[in-house]
Protein backbone atom coordinates (compact mmCIF):
# COMPACT_ATOMS: atom_id res chain seq x y z
CA MET A 1 -46.93 110.44 -79.35
CA SER A 2 -49.19 108.14 -77.37
CA GLY A 3 -49.54 105.66 -80.22
CA GLU A 4 -53.16 106.57 -80.93
CA ILE A 5 -52.60 108.38 -84.25
CA PRO A 6 -50.90 106.30 -86.95
CA ALA A 7 -49.96 109.26 -89.17
CA ALA A 8 -50.07 113.05 -89.32
CA VAL A 9 -49.10 115.86 -91.67
CA LEU A 10 -47.11 118.50 -89.79
CA THR A 11 -44.30 120.94 -90.49
CA LEU A 12 -40.75 119.70 -89.96
CA ASN A 13 -40.38 122.37 -87.31
CA ASP A 14 -43.31 120.89 -85.38
CA LEU A 15 -41.76 117.42 -85.52
CA GLY A 16 -38.15 118.21 -84.66
CA THR A 17 -38.17 117.26 -80.98
CA ALA A 18 -40.29 114.14 -81.50
CA VAL A 19 -38.01 112.91 -84.31
CA GLN A 20 -34.84 113.63 -82.34
CA SER A 21 -36.19 111.75 -79.32
CA GLY A 22 -37.20 108.76 -81.45
CA LYS A 23 -40.93 109.18 -80.73
CA ALA A 24 -41.78 109.92 -84.38
CA ARG A 25 -40.42 109.07 -87.80
CA ILE A 26 -40.71 111.20 -90.92
CA LEU A 27 -41.81 109.10 -93.90
CA ALA A 28 -41.75 111.81 -96.57
CA THR A 29 -41.75 115.58 -97.00
CA THR A 30 -44.06 117.67 -99.17
CA GLY A 31 -41.35 119.97 -100.51
CA ALA A 32 -40.22 120.04 -104.13
CA LYS A 33 -36.80 118.88 -102.91
CA ARG A 34 -35.43 117.12 -99.85
CA SER A 35 -35.09 119.09 -96.65
CA PRO A 36 -31.57 120.17 -95.68
CA GLN A 37 -32.55 119.24 -92.09
CA TYR A 38 -33.47 115.67 -93.09
CA PRO A 39 -31.58 114.86 -96.31
CA ASP A 40 -32.23 111.11 -95.97
CA VAL A 41 -36.02 111.58 -95.98
CA PRO A 42 -37.53 111.37 -99.48
CA THR A 43 -40.15 113.73 -100.82
CA PHE A 44 -43.65 112.41 -101.51
CA LYS A 45 -42.93 112.77 -105.25
CA GLU A 46 -39.83 110.61 -104.89
CA SER A 47 -42.01 108.06 -103.10
CA GLY A 48 -44.45 107.92 -106.02
CA TYR A 49 -47.14 110.29 -104.73
CA ASP A 50 -48.07 113.46 -106.60
CA ILE A 51 -48.10 115.61 -103.47
CA GLU A 52 -46.29 118.90 -103.07
CA GLY A 53 -46.92 121.63 -100.54
CA LEU A 54 -45.29 124.21 -98.38
CA ALA A 55 -45.72 125.78 -94.98
CA TRP A 56 -46.39 129.46 -94.57
CA TYR A 57 -46.64 131.78 -91.66
CA ALA A 58 -48.65 134.96 -91.23
CA LEU A 59 -48.91 138.05 -89.07
CA TYR A 60 -52.49 138.98 -88.15
CA ALA A 61 -54.17 142.13 -86.89
CA PRO A 62 -57.78 142.59 -85.77
CA ALA A 63 -60.34 143.50 -88.43
CA GLY A 64 -60.66 147.25 -88.70
CA THR A 65 -57.06 147.97 -87.73
CA PRO A 66 -56.18 151.31 -89.34
CA LYS A 67 -54.16 151.05 -92.56
CA GLU A 68 -51.28 153.08 -91.13
CA ILE A 69 -50.95 150.57 -88.27
CA VAL A 70 -51.09 147.60 -90.66
CA ASP A 71 -48.47 149.26 -92.88
CA ALA A 72 -46.23 149.95 -89.88
CA LEU A 73 -46.53 146.33 -88.72
CA SER A 74 -45.75 145.12 -92.23
CA ARG A 75 -42.64 147.32 -92.47
CA ALA A 76 -41.46 146.17 -89.03
CA ALA A 77 -41.98 142.49 -89.92
CA ILE A 78 -40.09 142.87 -93.22
CA GLU A 79 -37.26 144.69 -91.46
CA ALA A 80 -37.09 141.97 -88.81
CA ILE A 81 -36.96 139.03 -91.22
CA ARG A 82 -34.16 140.71 -93.16
CA GLN A 83 -31.93 140.76 -90.07
CA PRO A 84 -29.21 138.08 -90.42
CA ASP A 85 -29.91 136.45 -87.04
CA VAL A 86 -33.67 136.29 -87.66
CA LYS A 87 -33.14 135.06 -91.22
CA GLN A 88 -30.87 132.30 -89.89
CA ARG A 89 -33.53 131.21 -87.38
CA LEU A 90 -36.30 131.22 -89.99
CA GLU A 91 -34.35 129.43 -92.73
CA PRO A 92 -34.94 125.90 -91.37
CA LEU A 93 -38.68 126.60 -91.28
CA ASP A 94 -38.65 127.03 -95.07
CA SER A 95 -38.73 123.25 -95.57
CA THR A 96 -41.91 121.25 -95.23
């Protein structure tokens, strides 16, 4: 944002505020198709570059966490992301 870095590869979610404020411009996305958030921004493939990628998120626990705790956390996370309001909030993050 200070003009010292000419380019970066970030998730669309990370760039949202900077793009909306005019401090950054998205040149291309790494998704297989255009982002619903930025339909006017081409993909890298559309721009002639053979680049495709996606963002992913993870839930971590310390090494040695008992299996029953890991399983309980996994079940809770799955239950949470299936909730309509959570799903709606996470949906825009699916684009890269």
